[in-house]
Amino acid sequence: MTTTALTGTNDGLNGTGTREEGAAEQIIDLRARIDEIDAALISLWKERAAISQRVGATRVASGGTRLVLSREREILDRFRNELGADGTQLALLILRAGRGALGTSAAAE
């Protein structure tokens, strides 16, 4: 298989960073799996944010607080324990997404 056939490029490295055809094919296969995982993550991100926003709306509609800080702390701790410092950053992004646009929708779920 030619490098152009592998990726449609003529950059000399077939878009994979290697000229070795076997390695290039493996990289292409692995990247395809990464793309599948990314699609699943995006779908789960959107689903989680929507559910979290519903939790917040239900809580506020019933007279509850905008946020439940103890719940947010649990989530932050879980992500930090599993993923280290990057987990904390990821959890902060997830929590922000769950609050809705500009953090105006209440949700800490």
PDB file of N, CA and C in Angstrom:
ATOM      1  N   MET A   1       0.856  -1.162   0.000  1.00  0.00           N
ATOM      2  CA  MET A   1       0.000   0.000   0.000  1.00  0.00           C
ATOM      3  C   MET A   1       0.905   1.228   0.000  1.00  0.00           C
ATOM      4  N   THR A   2       0.565   2.218  -0.796  1.00  0.00           N
ATOM      5  CA  THR A   2       1.377   3.429  -0.855  1.00  0.00           C
ATOM      6  C   THR A   2       1.010   4.363   0.284  1.00  0.00           C
ATOM      7  N   THR A   3       1.914   5.302   0.556  1.00  0.00           N
ATOM      8  CA  THR A   3       1.608   6.246   1.625  1.00  0.00           C
ATOM      9  C   THR A   3       0.408   7.104   1.275  1.00  0.00           C
ATOM     10  N   THR A   4       0.254   7.445   0.006  1.00  0.00           N
ATOM     11  CA  THR A   4      -0.913   8.223  -0.399  1.00  0.00           C
ATOM     12  C   THR A   4      -2.184   7.427  -0.166  1.00  0.00           C
ATOM     13  N   ALA A   5      -2.145   6.137  -0.440  1.00  0.00           N
ATOM     14  CA  ALA A   5      -3.315   5.294  -0.225  1.00  0.00           C
ATOM     15  C   ALA A   5      -3.635   5.177   1.264  1.00  0.00           C
ATOM     16  N   LEU A   6      -2.600   5.244   2.109  1.00  0.00           N
ATOM     17  CA  LEU A   6      -2.838   5.133   3.542  1.00  0.00           C
ATOM     18  C   LEU A   6      -3.605   6.326   4.095  1.00  0.00           C
ATOM     19  N   THR A   7      -3.214   7.536   3.675  1.00  0.00           N
ATOM     20  CA  THR A   7      -3.804   8.711   4.307  1.00  0.00           C
ATOM     21  C   THR A   7      -4.236   9.793   3.342  1.00  0.00           C
ATOM     22  N   GLY A   8      -3.935   9.628   2.077  1.00  0.00           N
ATOM     23  CA  GLY A   8      -4.287  10.655   1.119  1.00  0.00           C
ATOM     24  C   GLY A   8      -3.327  11.823   1.129  1.00  0.00           C
ATOM     25  N   THR A   9      -2.154  11.655   1.729  1.00  0.00           N
ATOM     26  CA  THR A   9      -1.176  12.734   1.778  1.00  0.00           C
ATOM     27  C   THR A   9       0.102  12.308   1.085  1.00  0.00           C
ATOM     28  N   ASN A  10       0.892  13.279   0.710  1.00  0.00           N
ATOM     29  CA  ASN A  10       2.202  13.029   0.116  1.00  0.00           C
ATOM     30  C   ASN A  10       3.279  13.738   0.920  1.00  0.00           C
ATOM     31  N   ASP A  11       3.153  13.777   2.239  1.00  0.00           N
ATOM     32  CA  ASP A  11       4.100  14.507   3.076  1.00  0.00           C
ATOM     33  C   ASP A  11       5.371  13.723   3.370  1.00  0.00           C
ATOM     34  N   GLY A  12       5.505  12.546   2.822  1.00  0.00           N
ATOM     35  CA  GLY A  12       6.680  11.733   3.071  1.00  0.00           C
ATOM     36  C   GLY A  12       6.576  10.920   4.348  1.00  0.00           C
ATOM     37  N   LEU A  13       5.679  11.286   5.234  1.00  0.00           N
ATOM     38  CA  LEU A  13       5.479  10.550   6.487  1.00  0.00           C
ATOM     39  C   LEU A  13       4.047  10.043   6.590  1.00  0.00           C
ATOM     40  N   ASN A  14       3.321  10.119   5.510  1.00  0.00           N
ATOM     41  CA  ASN A  14       1.944   9.632   5.403  1.00  0.00           C
ATOM     42  C   ASN A  14       1.026  10.075   6.543  1.00  0.00           C
ATOM     43  N   GLY A  15       1.296  11.249   7.078  1.00  0.00           N
ATOM     44  CA  GLY A  15       0.431  11.788   8.120  1.00  0.00           C
ATOM     45  C   GLY A  15       0.530  11.079   9.454  1.00  0.00           C
ATOM     46  N   THR A  16       1.426  10.118   9.569  1.00  0.00           N
ATOM     47  CA  THR A  16       1.528   9.340  10.798  1.00  0.00           C
ATOM     48  C   THR A  16       2.810   9.598  11.565  1.00  0.00           C
ATOM     49  N   GLY A  17       3.752  10.276  10.943  1.00  0.00           N
ATOM     50  CA  GLY A  17       5.027  10.530  11.598  1.00  0.00           C
ATOM     51  C   GLY A  17       6.042   9.425  11.391  1.00  0.00           C
ATOM     52  N   THR A  18       5.710   8.455  10.545  1.00  0.00           N
ATOM     53  CA  THR A  18       6.645   7.363  10.266  1.00  0.00           C
ATOM     54  C   THR A  18       6.575   6.985   8.796  1.00  0.00           C
ATOM     55  N   ARG A  19       7.686   6.525   8.281  1.00  0.00           N
ATOM     56  CA  ARG A  19       7.715   6.055   6.889  1.00  0.00           C
ATOM     57  C   ARG A  19       7.525   4.537   6.801  1.00  0.00           C
ATOM     58  N   GLU A  20       7.554   3.859   7.925  1.00  0.00           N
ATOM     59  CA  GLU A  20       7.425   2.404   7.948  1.00  0.00           C
ATOM     60  C   GLU A  20       5.954   2.040   7.779  1.00  0.00           C
ATOM     61  N   GLU A  21       5.659   1.341   6.690  1.00  0.00           N
ATOM     62  CA  GLU A  21       4.268   1.083   6.318  1.00  0.00           C
ATOM     63  C   GLU A  21       3.488   0.321   7.382  1.00  0.00           C
ATOM     64  N   GLY A  22       4.088  -0.702   7.972  1.00  0.00           N
ATOM     65  CA  GLY A  22       3.387  -1.468   9.003  1.00  0.00           C
ATOM     66  C   GLY A  22       3.031  -0.615  10.206  1.00  0.00           C
ATOM     67  N   ALA A  23       3.978   0.203  10.622  1.00  0.00           N
ATOM     68  CA  ALA A  23       3.724   1.097  11.754  1.00  0.00           C
ATOM     69  C   ALA A  23       2.664   2.127  11.382  1.00  0.00           C
ATOM     70  N   ALA A  24       2.738   2.641  10.156  1.00  0.00           N
ATOM     71  CA  ALA A  24       1.763   3.633   9.703  1.00  0.00           C
ATOM     72  C   ALA A  24       0.354   3.041   9.722  1.00  0.00           C
ATOM     73  N   GLU A  25       0.207   1.819   9.255  1.00  0.00           N
ATOM     74  CA  GLU A  25      -1.112   1.177   9.264  1.00  0.00           C
ATOM     75  C   GLU A  25      -1.619   0.994  10.688  1.00  0.00           C
ATOM     76  N   GLN A  26      -0.719   0.609  11.593  1.00  0.00           N
ATOM     77  CA  GLN A  26      -1.116   0.441  12.988  1.00  0.00           C
ATOM     78  C   GLN A  26      -1.547   1.783  13.588  1.00  0.00           C
ATOM     79  N   ILE A  27      -0.802   2.831  13.292  1.00  0.00           N
ATOM     80  CA  ILE A  27      -1.154   4.163  13.791  1.00  0.00           C
ATOM     81  C   ILE A  27      -2.521   4.584  13.270  1.00  0.00           C
ATOM     82  N   ILE A  28      -2.771   4.336  12.006  1.00  0.00           N
ATOM     83  CA  ILE A  28      -4.068   4.685  11.415  1.00  0.00           C
ATOM     84  C   ILE A  28      -5.193   3.936  12.120  1.00  0.00           C
ATOM     85  N   ASP A  29      -4.991   2.642  12.380  1.00  0.00           N
ATOM     86  CA  ASP A  29      -6.000   1.856  13.092  1.00  0.00           C
ATOM     87  C   ASP A  29      -6.216   2.385  14.512  1.00  0.00           C
ATOM     88  N   LEU A  30      -5.131   2.685  15.203  1.00  0.00           N
ATOM     89  CA  LEU A  30      -5.245   3.202  16.565  1.00  0.00           C
ATOM     90  C   LEU A  30      -5.945   4.558  16.586  1.00  0.00           C
ATOM     91  N   ARG A  31      -5.633   5.390  15.612  1.00  0.00           N
ATOM     92  CA  ARG A  31      -6.295   6.693  15.534  1.00  0.00           C
ATOM     93  C   ARG A  31      -7.787   6.547  15.264  1.00  0.00           C
ATOM     94  N   ALA A  32      -8.152   5.545  14.490  1.00  0.00           N
ATOM     95  CA  ALA A  32      -9.575   5.304  14.238  1.00  0.00           C
ATOM     96  C   ALA A  32     -10.280   4.970  15.551  1.00  0.00           C
ATOM     97  N   ARG A  33      -9.629   4.170  16.383  1.00  0.00           N
ATOM     98  CA  ARG A  33     -10.213   3.827  17.685  1.00  0.00           C
ATOM     99  C   ARG A  33     -10.295   5.069  18.578  1.00  0.00           C
ATOM    100  N   ILE A  34      -9.256   5.901  18.550  1.00  0.00           N
ATOM    101  CA  ILE A  34      -9.290   7.151  19.310  1.00  0.00           C
ATOM    102  C   ILE A  34     -10.472   8.002  18.863  1.00  0.00           C
ATOM    103  N   ASP A  35     -10.699   8.074  17.558  1.00  0.00           N
ATOM    104  CA  ASP A  35     -11.830   8.851  17.037  1.00  0.00           C
ATOM    105  C   ASP A  35     -13.163   8.300  17.539  1.00  0.00           C
ATOM    106  N   GLU A  36     -13.280   6.976  17.627  1.00  0.00           N
ATOM    107  CA  GLU A  36     -14.498   6.363  18.164  1.00  0.00           C
ATOM    108  C   GLU A  36     -14.681   6.733  19.635  1.00  0.00           C
ATOM    109  N   ILE A  37     -13.595   6.672  20.397  1.00  0.00           N
ATOM    110  CA  ILE A  37     -13.656   7.027  21.818  1.00  0.00           C
ATOM    111  C   ILE A  37     -14.034   8.495  21.972  1.00  0.00           C
ATOM    112  N   ASP A  38     -13.432   9.359  21.150  1.00  0.00           N
ATOM    113  CA  ASP A  38     -13.765  10.783  21.201  1.00  0.00           C
ATOM    114  C   ASP A  38     -15.252  11.009  20.946  1.00  0.00           C
ATOM    115  N   ALA A  39     -15.803  10.309  19.972  1.00  0.00           N
ATOM    116  CA  ALA A  39     -17.231  10.458  19.670  1.00  0.00           C
ATOM    117  C   ALA A  39     -18.083  10.025  20.864  1.00  0.00           C
ATOM    118  N   ALA A  40     -17.682   8.931  21.515  1.00  0.00           N
ATOM    119  CA  ALA A  40     -18.414   8.469  22.696  1.00  0.00           C
ATOM    120  C   ALA A  40     -18.298   9.476  23.836  1.00  0.00           C
ATOM    121  N   LEU A  41     -17.107  10.025  24.043  1.00  0.00           N
ATOM    122  CA  LEU A  41     -16.910  11.025  25.093  1.00  0.00           C
ATOM    123  C   LEU A  41     -17.775  12.259  24.855  1.00  0.00           C
ATOM    124  N   ILE A  42     -17.822  12.711  23.619  1.00  0.00           N
ATOM    125  CA  ILE A  42     -18.637  13.883  23.285  1.00  0.00           C
ATOM    126  C   ILE A  42     -20.111  13.600  23.559  1.00  0.00           C
ATOM    127  N   SER A  43     -20.569  12.437  23.155  1.00  0.00           N
ATOM    128  CA  SER A  43     -21.963  12.065  23.392  1.00  0.00           C
ATOM    129  C   SER A  43     -22.262  11.989  24.891  1.00  0.00           C
ATOM    130  N   LEU A  44     -21.374  11.349  25.646  1.00  0.00           N
ATOM    131  CA  LEU A  44     -21.566  11.237  27.093  1.00  0.00           C
ATOM    132  C   LEU A  44     -21.494  12.603  27.772  1.00  0.00           C
ATOM    133  N   TRP A  45     -20.588  13.452  27.305  1.00  0.00           N
ATOM    134  CA  TRP A  45     -20.474  14.817  27.848  1.00  0.00           C
ATOM    135  C   TRP A  45     -21.811  15.546  27.717  1.00  0.00           C
ATOM    136  N   LYS A  46     -22.383  15.501  26.511  1.00  0.00           N
ATOM    137  CA  LYS A  46     -23.656  16.181  26.263  1.00  0.00           C
ATOM    138  C   LYS A  46     -24.776  15.586  27.110  1.00  0.00           C
ATOM    139  N   GLU A  47     -24.819  14.267  27.203  1.00  0.00           N
ATOM    140  CA  GLU A  47     -25.852  13.610  28.002  1.00  0.00           C
ATOM    141  C   GLU A  47     -25.714  13.989  29.474  1.00  0.00           C
ATOM    142  N   ARG A  48     -24.492  13.960  29.988  1.00  0.00           N
ATOM    143  CA  ARG A  48     -24.256  14.283  31.388  1.00  0.00           C
ATOM    144  C   ARG A  48     -24.656  15.728  31.685  1.00  0.00           C
ATOM    145  N   ALA A  49     -24.274  16.642  30.799  1.00  0.00           N
ATOM    146  CA  ALA A  49     -24.609  18.053  30.999  1.00  0.00           C
ATOM    147  C   ALA A  49     -26.124  18.246  31.036  1.00  0.00           C
ATOM    148  N   ALA A  50     -26.831  17.590  30.135  1.00  0.00           N
ATOM    149  CA  ALA A  50     -28.292  17.721  30.091  1.00  0.00           C
ATOM    150  C   ALA A  50     -28.928  17.176  31.366  1.00  0.00           C
ATOM    151  N   ILE A  51     -28.456  16.032  31.828  1.00  0.00           N
ATOM    152  CA  ILE A  51     -29.001  15.446  33.060  1.00  0.00           C
ATOM    153  C   ILE A  51     -28.697  16.345  34.251  1.00  0.00           C
ATOM    154  N   SER A  52     -27.476  16.838  34.312  1.00  0.00           N
ATOM    155  CA  SER A  52     -27.085  17.713  35.411  1.00  0.00           C
ATOM    156  C   SER A  52     -27.929  18.984  35.437  1.00  0.00           C
ATOM    157  N   GLN A  53     -28.208  19.531  34.272  1.00  0.00           N
ATOM    158  CA  GLN A  53     -29.048  20.727  34.202  1.00  0.00           C
ATOM    159  C   GLN A  53     -30.466  20.425  34.678  1.00  0.00           C
ATOM    160  N   ARG A  54     -30.955  19.237  34.368  1.00  0.00           N
ATOM    161  CA  ARG A  54     -32.288  18.841  34.851  1.00  0.00           C
ATOM    162  C   ARG A  54     -32.293  18.701  36.368  1.00  0.00           C
ATOM    163  N   VAL A  55     -31.215  18.124  36.921  1.00  0.00           N
ATOM    164  CA  VAL A  55     -31.105  18.005  38.382  1.00  0.00           C
ATOM    165  C   VAL A  55     -31.169  19.390  39.015  1.00  0.00           C
ATOM    166  N   GLY A  56     -30.385  20.310  38.465  1.00  0.00           N
ATOM    167  CA  GLY A  56     -30.362  21.667  39.009  1.00  0.00           C
ATOM    168  C   GLY A  56     -31.706  22.361  38.904  1.00  0.00           C
ATOM    169  N   ALA A  57     -32.347  22.229  37.762  1.00  0.00           N
ATOM    170  CA  ALA A  57     -33.654  22.859  37.566  1.00  0.00           C
ATOM    171  C   ALA A  57     -34.678  22.281  38.534  1.00  0.00           C
ATOM    172  N   THR A  58     -34.642  20.981  38.738  1.00  0.00           N
ATOM    173  CA  THR A  58     -35.563  20.327  39.670  1.00  0.00           C
ATOM    174  C   THR A  58     -35.304  20.811  41.092  1.00  0.00           C
ATOM    175  N   ARG A  59     -34.025  20.915  41.441  1.00  0.00           N
ATOM    176  CA  ARG A  59     -33.665  21.359  42.784  1.00  0.00           C
ATOM    177  C   ARG A  59     -34.147  22.795  43.027  1.00  0.00           C
ATOM    178  N   VAL A  60     -33.876  23.698  42.098  1.00  0.00           N
ATOM    179  CA  VAL A  60     -34.274  25.100  42.254  1.00  0.00           C
ATOM    180  C   VAL A  60     -35.796  25.228  42.262  1.00  0.00           C
ATOM    181  N   ALA A  61     -36.479  24.492  41.387  1.00  0.00           N
ATOM    182  CA  ALA A  61     -37.943  24.557  41.319  1.00  0.00           C
ATOM    183  C   ALA A  61     -38.591  24.095  42.618  1.00  0.00           C
ATOM    184  N   SER A  62     -37.891  23.250  43.355  1.00  0.00           N
ATOM    185  CA  SER A  62     -38.445  22.755  44.618  1.00  0.00           C
ATOM    186  C   SER A  62     -37.975  23.583  45.811  1.00  0.00           C
ATOM    187  N   GLY A  63     -37.339  24.720  45.519  1.00  0.00           N
ATOM    188  CA  GLY A  63     -36.900  25.604  46.597  1.00  0.00           C
ATOM    189  C   GLY A  63     -35.507  25.311  47.114  1.00  0.00           C
ATOM    190  N   GLY A  64     -34.798  24.440  46.434  1.00  0.00           N
ATOM    191  CA  GLY A  64     -33.446  24.087  46.858  1.00  0.00           C
ATOM    192  C   GLY A  64     -32.412  25.112  46.425  1.00  0.00           C
ATOM    193  N   THR A  65     -31.190  24.825  46.758  1.00  0.00           N
ATOM    194  CA  THR A  65     -30.089  25.732  46.441  1.00  0.00           C
ATOM    195  C   THR A  65     -29.655  25.578  44.990  1.00  0.00           C
ATOM    196  N   ARG A  66     -28.992  26.620  44.477  1.00  0.00           N
ATOM    197  CA  ARG A  66     -28.466  26.574  43.108  1.00  0.00           C
ATOM    198  C   ARG A  66     -27.433  25.461  42.958  1.00  0.00           C
ATOM    199  N   LEU A  67     -26.544  25.352  43.932  1.00  0.00           N
ATOM    200  CA  LEU A  67     -25.472  24.363  43.877  1.00  0.00           C
ATOM    201  C   LEU A  67     -25.431  23.575  45.173  1.00  0.00           C
ATOM    202  N   VAL A  68     -24.896  22.374  45.083  1.00  0.00           N
ATOM    203  CA  VAL A  68     -24.642  21.565  46.269  1.00  0.00           C
ATOM    204  C   VAL A  68     -23.131  21.350  46.297  1.00  0.00           C
ATOM    205  N   LEU A  69     -22.460  22.182  47.083  1.00  0.00           N
ATOM    206  CA  LEU A  69     -20.999  22.170  47.079  1.00  0.00           C
ATOM    207  C   LEU A  69     -20.415  20.845  47.554  1.00  0.00           C
ATOM    208  N   SER A  70     -21.091  20.167  48.465  1.00  0.00           N
ATOM    209  CA  SER A  70     -20.579  18.871  48.920  1.00  0.00           C
ATOM    210  C   SER A  70     -20.594  17.856  47.772  1.00  0.00           C
ATOM    211  N   ARG A  71     -21.585  17.937  46.920  1.00  0.00           N
ATOM    212  CA  ARG A  71     -21.655  17.049  45.751  1.00  0.00           C
ATOM    213  C   ARG A  71     -20.535  17.388  44.774  1.00  0.00           C
ATOM    214  N   GLU A  72     -20.297  18.676  44.556  1.00  0.00           N
ATOM    215  CA  GLU A  72     -19.209  19.069  43.669  1.00  0.00           C
ATOM    216  C   GLU A  72     -17.870  18.581  44.211  1.00  0.00           C
ATOM    217  N   ARG A  73     -17.683  18.679  45.523  1.00  0.00           N
ATOM    218  CA  ARG A  73     -16.439  18.213  46.145  1.00  0.00           C
ATOM    219  C   ARG A  73     -16.264  16.709  45.915  1.00  0.00           C
ATOM    220  N   GLU A  74     -17.340  15.933  46.044  1.00  0.00           N
ATOM    221  CA  GLU A  74     -17.271  14.487  45.787  1.00  0.00           C
ATOM    222  C   GLU A  74     -16.798  14.209  44.362  1.00  0.00           C
ATOM    223  N   ILE A  75     -17.356  14.942  43.418  1.00  0.00           N
ATOM    224  CA  ILE A  75     -17.003  14.751  42.009  1.00  0.00           C
ATOM    225  C   ILE A  75     -15.548  15.132  41.776  1.00  0.00           C
ATOM    226  N   LEU A  76     -15.137  16.278  42.306  1.00  0.00           N
ATOM    227  CA  LEU A  76     -13.738  16.705  42.171  1.00  0.00           C
ATOM    228  C   LEU A  76     -12.789  15.675  42.773  1.00  0.00           C
ATOM    229  N   ASP A  77     -13.121  15.187  43.964  1.00  0.00           N
ATOM    230  CA  ASP A  77     -12.270  14.190  44.623  1.00  0.00           C
ATOM    231  C   ASP A  77     -12.179  12.906  43.808  1.00  0.00           C
ATOM    232  N   ARG A  78     -13.308  12.451  43.264  1.00  0.00           N
ATOM    233  CA  ARG A  78     -13.324  11.218  42.474  1.00  0.00           C
ATOM    234  C   ARG A  78     -12.414  11.340  41.250  1.00  0.00           C
ATOM    235  N   PHE A  79     -12.548  12.440  40.536  1.00  0.00           N
ATOM    236  CA  PHE A  79     -11.733  12.633  39.341  1.00  0.00           C
ATOM    237  C   PHE A  79     -10.259  12.802  39.691  1.00  0.00           C
ATOM    238  N   ARG A  80      -9.965  13.539  40.761  1.00  0.00           N
ATOM    239  CA  ARG A  80      -8.575  13.727  41.172  1.00  0.00           C
ATOM    240  C   ARG A  80      -7.963  12.393  41.603  1.00  0.00           C
ATOM    241  N   ASN A  81      -8.701  11.596  42.356  1.00  0.00           N
ATOM    242  CA  ASN A  81      -8.188  10.304  42.812  1.00  0.00           C
ATOM    243  C   ASN A  81      -7.913   9.354  41.655  1.00  0.00           C
ATOM    244  N   GLU A  82      -8.754   9.398  40.638  1.00  0.00           N
ATOM    245  CA  GLU A  82      -8.592   8.494  39.495  1.00  0.00           C
ATOM    246  C   GLU A  82      -7.599   9.000  38.457  1.00  0.00           C
ATOM    247  N   LEU A  83      -7.521  10.333  38.282  1.00  0.00           N
ATOM    248  CA  LEU A  83      -6.759  10.885  37.160  1.00  0.00           C
ATOM    249  C   LEU A  83      -5.671  11.871  37.564  1.00  0.00           C
ATOM    250  N   GLY A  84      -5.529  12.135  38.844  1.00  0.00           N
ATOM    251  CA  GLY A  84      -4.513  13.088  39.283  1.00  0.00           C
ATOM    252  C   GLY A  84      -4.941  14.522  39.025  1.00  0.00           C
ATOM    253  N   ALA A  85      -3.941  15.401  38.906  1.00  0.00           N
ATOM    254  CA  ALA A  85      -4.213  16.833  38.737  1.00  0.00           C
ATOM    255  C   ALA A  85      -5.063  17.109  37.503  1.00  0.00           C
ATOM    256  N   ASP A  86      -4.825  16.370  36.422  1.00  0.00           N
ATOM    257  CA  ASP A  86      -5.644  16.557  35.220  1.00  0.00           C
ATOM    258  C   ASP A  86      -7.106  16.213  35.491  1.00  0.00           C
ATOM    259  N   GLY A  87      -7.337  15.266  36.389  1.00  0.00           N
ATOM    260  CA  GLY A  87      -8.699  14.902  36.747  1.00  0.00           C
ATOM    261  C   GLY A  87      -9.451  16.049  37.386  1.00  0.00           C
ATOM    262  N   THR A  88      -8.745  16.821  38.203  1.00  0.00           N
ATOM    263  CA  THR A  88      -9.370  17.988  38.818  1.00  0.00           C
ATOM    264  C   THR A  88      -9.808  18.977  37.753  1.00  0.00           C
ATOM    265  N   GLN A  89      -8.932  19.238  36.802  1.00  0.00           N
ATOM    266  CA  GLN A  89      -9.263  20.179  35.728  1.00  0.00           C
ATOM    267  C   GLN A  89     -10.434  19.670  34.893  1.00  0.00           C
ATOM    268  N   LEU A  90     -10.427  18.375  34.594  1.00  0.00           N
ATOM    269  CA  LEU A  90     -11.520  17.785  33.826  1.00  0.00           C
ATOM    270  C   LEU A  90     -12.835  17.901  34.592  1.00  0.00           C
ATOM    271  N   ALA A  91     -12.799  17.593  35.881  1.00  0.00           N
ATOM    272  CA  ALA A  91     -14.015  17.678  36.694  1.00  0.00           C
ATOM    273  C   ALA A  91     -14.562  19.102  36.725  1.00  0.00           C
ATOM    274  N   LEU A  92     -13.682  20.084  36.813  1.00  0.00           N
ATOM    275  CA  LEU A  92     -14.135  21.479  36.809  1.00  0.00           C
ATOM    276  C   LEU A  92     -14.856  21.823  35.510  1.00  0.00           C
ATOM    277  N   LEU A  93     -14.330  21.338  34.393  1.00  0.00           N
ATOM    278  CA  LEU A  93     -14.988  21.578  33.102  1.00  0.00           C
ATOM    279  C   LEU A  93     -16.338  20.874  33.035  1.00  0.00           C
ATOM    280  N   ILE A  94     -16.383  19.653  33.525  1.00  0.00           N
ATOM    281  CA  ILE A  94     -17.631  18.890  33.518  1.00  0.00           C
ATOM    282  C   ILE A  94     -18.681  19.581  34.388  1.00  0.00           C
ATOM    283  N   LEU A  95     -18.270  20.013  35.559  1.00  0.00           N
ATOM    284  CA  LEU A  95     -19.211  20.700  36.447  1.00  0.00           C
ATOM    285  C   LEU A  95     -19.720  21.986  35.816  1.00  0.00           C
ATOM    286  N   ARG A  96     -18.835  22.724  35.176  1.00  0.00           N
ATOM    287  CA  ARG A  96     -19.255  23.969  34.521  1.00  0.00           C
ATOM    288  C   ARG A  96     -20.262  23.680  33.407  1.00  0.00           C
ATOM    289  N   ALA A  97     -20.013  22.637  32.621  1.00  0.00           N
ATOM    290  CA  ALA A  97     -20.936  22.280  31.539  1.00  0.00           C
ATOM    291  C   ALA A  97     -22.310  21.914  32.095  1.00  0.00           C
ATOM    292  N   GLY A  98     -22.333  21.283  33.242  1.00  0.00           N
ATOM    293  CA  GLY A  98     -23.592  20.873  33.849  1.00  0.00           C
ATOM    294  C   GLY A  98     -24.421  22.017  34.389  1.00  0.00           C
ATOM    295  N   ARG A  99     -23.784  23.156  34.571  1.00  0.00           N
ATOM    296  CA  ARG A  99     -24.518  24.325  35.069  1.00  0.00           C
ATOM    297  C   ARG A  99     -25.253  25.049  33.959  1.00  0.00           C
ATOM    298  N   GLY A 100     -24.955  24.736  32.721  1.00  0.00           N
ATOM    299  CA  GLY A 100     -25.615  25.393  31.606  1.00  0.00           C
ATOM    300  C   GLY A 100     -24.848  26.604  31.138  1.00  0.00           C
ATOM    301  N   ALA A 101     -25.437  27.328  30.215  1.00  0.00           N
ATOM    302  CA  ALA A 101     -24.793  28.488  29.610  1.00  0.00           C
ATOM    303  C   ALA A 101     -24.391  29.498  30.675  1.00  0.00           C
ATOM    304  N   LEU A 102     -23.115  29.834  30.670  1.00  0.00           N
ATOM    305  CA  LEU A 102     -22.540  30.822  31.584  1.00  0.00           C
ATOM    306  C   LEU A 102     -22.800  30.501  33.045  1.00  0.00           C
ATOM    307  N   GLY A 103     -23.047  29.236  33.341  1.00  0.00           N
ATOM    308  CA  GLY A 103     -23.240  28.850  34.729  1.00  0.00           C
ATOM    309  C   GLY A 103     -24.531  29.361  35.340  1.00  0.00           C
ATOM    310  N   THR A 104     -25.505  29.726  34.514  1.00  0.00           N
ATOM    311  CA  THR A 104     -26.744  30.295  35.041  1.00  0.00           C
ATOM    312  C   THR A 104     -27.755  29.238  35.446  1.00  0.00           C
ATOM    313  N   SER A 105     -27.638  28.042  34.899  1.00  0.00           N
ATOM    314  CA  SER A 105     -28.549  26.972  35.282  1.00  0.00           C
ATOM    315  C   SER A 105     -27.952  26.244  36.476  1.00  0.00           C
ATOM    316  N   ALA A 106     -28.741  25.995  37.476  1.00  0.00           N
ATOM    317  CA  ALA A 106     -28.221  25.372  38.684  1.00  0.00           C
ATOM    318  C   ALA A 106     -28.120  23.872  38.517  1.00  0.00           C
ATOM    319  N   ALA A 107     -26.931  23.346  38.792  1.00  0.00           N
ATOM    320  CA  ALA A 107     -26.750  21.901  38.790  1.00  0.00           C
ATOM    321  C   ALA A 107     -25.383  21.571  39.338  1.00  0.00           C
ATOM    322  N   ALA A 108     -25.349  20.692  40.278  1.00  0.00           N
ATOM    323  CA  ALA A 108     -24.080  20.171  40.775  1.00  0.00           C
ATOM    324  C   ALA A 108     -24.231  18.671  40.894  1.00  0.00           C
ATOM    325  N   GLU A 109     -24.494  18.038  39.813  1.00  0.00           N
ATOM    326  CA  GLU A 109     -24.756  16.602  39.836  1.00  0.00           C
ATOM    327  C   GLU A 109     -23.791  15.876  38.971  1.00  0.00           C
TER     328      GLU A 109
END
